[in-house]
Amino acid sequence: MTLRTAIQQSKLLTFVVLGAFVWLLLTLFDVASTIDLATGTTSFVGQNALGGIAGVLVLAIVLGALVVLYSEITESDPAPQSWPPSEE
């Protein structure tokens, strides 16, 4: 079963992935809004700028992976060749 077939057959999976995307996006905005650039890297206890920037980068990478996964699922061409190859 391909990912495209799985999503077409499971509408619940589609909503779960969409919900995860929205949740991660809201979390990204929340983390970005709590970054205090004035603290810099001087304090390593509690929230600091370095931890906030790392969190934003990780969330952005995960969101990018979800976007790439969705674009791969919806892509129709080029399709894989059938096996065994037909003789024409």
Protein backbone atom coordinates (compact mmCIF):
# COMPACT_ATOMS: atom_id res chain seq x y z
CA MET A 1 0.00 0.00 0.00
CA THR A 2 1.42 3.38 -0.95
CA LEU A 3 1.10 6.49 1.17
CA ARG A 4 -1.29 8.00 -1.37
CA THR A 5 -3.58 4.98 -1.15
CA ALA A 6 -3.38 5.01 2.64
CA ILE A 7 -4.48 8.63 2.86
CA GLN A 8 -7.25 8.14 0.30
CA GLN A 9 -8.59 5.18 2.27
CA SER A 10 -8.16 6.66 5.74
CA LYS A 11 -9.74 10.07 6.16
CA LEU A 12 -8.93 9.92 9.88
CA LEU A 13 -5.22 9.73 9.06
CA THR A 14 -5.55 12.83 6.90
CA PHE A 15 -7.14 14.80 9.76
CA VAL A 16 -4.54 13.55 12.25
CA VAL A 17 -1.68 14.69 9.99
CA LEU A 18 -3.38 18.03 9.36
CA GLY A 19 -3.98 18.44 13.10
CA ALA A 20 -0.32 17.65 13.83
CA PHE A 21 0.74 20.25 11.26
CA VAL A 22 -1.48 22.94 12.79
CA TRP A 23 -0.38 22.05 16.33
CA LEU A 24 3.30 22.21 15.35
CA LEU A 25 2.76 25.52 13.57
CA LEU A 26 1.05 27.04 16.62
CA THR A 27 3.80 25.69 18.87
CA LEU A 28 6.41 27.23 16.55
CA PHE A 29 4.75 30.64 16.88
CA ASP A 30 4.50 30.22 20.66
CA VAL A 31 8.19 29.34 20.99
CA ALA A 32 9.20 32.18 18.68
CA SER A 33 7.19 34.68 20.71
CA THR A 34 8.81 33.65 24.01
CA ILE A 35 12.41 34.05 22.83
CA ASP A 36 14.12 36.77 24.85
CA LEU A 37 17.05 37.86 22.73
CA ALA A 38 18.32 40.10 25.55
CA THR A 39 19.37 37.06 27.59
CA GLY A 40 21.65 35.79 24.85
CA THR A 41 23.63 32.76 25.90
CA THR A 42 24.80 34.03 29.29
CA SER A 43 22.25 32.08 31.31
CA PHE A 44 21.78 28.37 30.73
CA VAL A 45 19.10 27.96 33.41
CA GLY A 46 15.53 28.36 32.16
CA GLN A 47 14.59 29.78 28.79
CA ASN A 48 17.29 31.56 26.86
CA ALA A 49 17.73 32.79 23.31
CA LEU A 50 19.86 29.85 22.18
CA GLY A 51 17.30 27.28 23.34
CA GLY A 52 14.47 29.21 21.71
CA ILE A 53 16.29 29.46 18.39
CA ALA A 54 17.09 25.74 18.49
CA GLY A 55 13.44 24.96 19.22
CA VAL A 56 12.25 27.12 16.32
CA LEU A 57 14.73 25.43 13.96
CA VAL A 58 13.65 21.93 15.00
CA LEU A 59 9.96 22.78 14.61
CA ALA A 60 10.61 24.39 11.22
CA ILE A 61 12.43 21.24 10.03
CA VAL A 62 9.56 19.00 11.18
CA LEU A 63 7.02 21.26 9.45
CA GLY A 64 9.14 21.22 6.29
CA ALA A 65 9.24 17.43 6.41
CA LEU A 66 5.43 17.32 6.66
CA VAL A 67 5.12 19.66 3.66
CA VAL A 68 7.53 17.54 1.61
CA LEU A 69 5.68 14.38 2.62
CA TYR A 70 2.37 15.90 1.55
CA SER A 71 3.81 17.05 -1.78
CA GLU A 72 5.19 13.56 -2.44
CA ILE A 73 1.84 11.97 -1.66
CA THR A 74 -0.09 14.23 -4.02
CA GLU A 75 2.41 13.93 -6.88
CA SER A 76 1.18 11.71 -9.71
CA ASP A 77 4.13 11.85 -12.12
CA PRO A 78 6.54 10.22 -12.63
CA ALA A 79 4.82 7.02 -11.67
CA PRO A 80 6.85 3.88 -11.05
CA GLN A 81 7.11 1.40 -13.90
CA SER A 82 4.99 -1.71 -13.66
CA TRP A 83 6.72 -4.96 -12.83
CA PRO A 84 7.35 -7.16 -14.69
CA PRO A 85 7.89 -4.86 -17.65
CA SER A 86 5.45 -5.40 -20.45
CA GLU A 87 6.82 -6.17 -23.86
CA GLU A 88 5.66 -3.62 -26.39
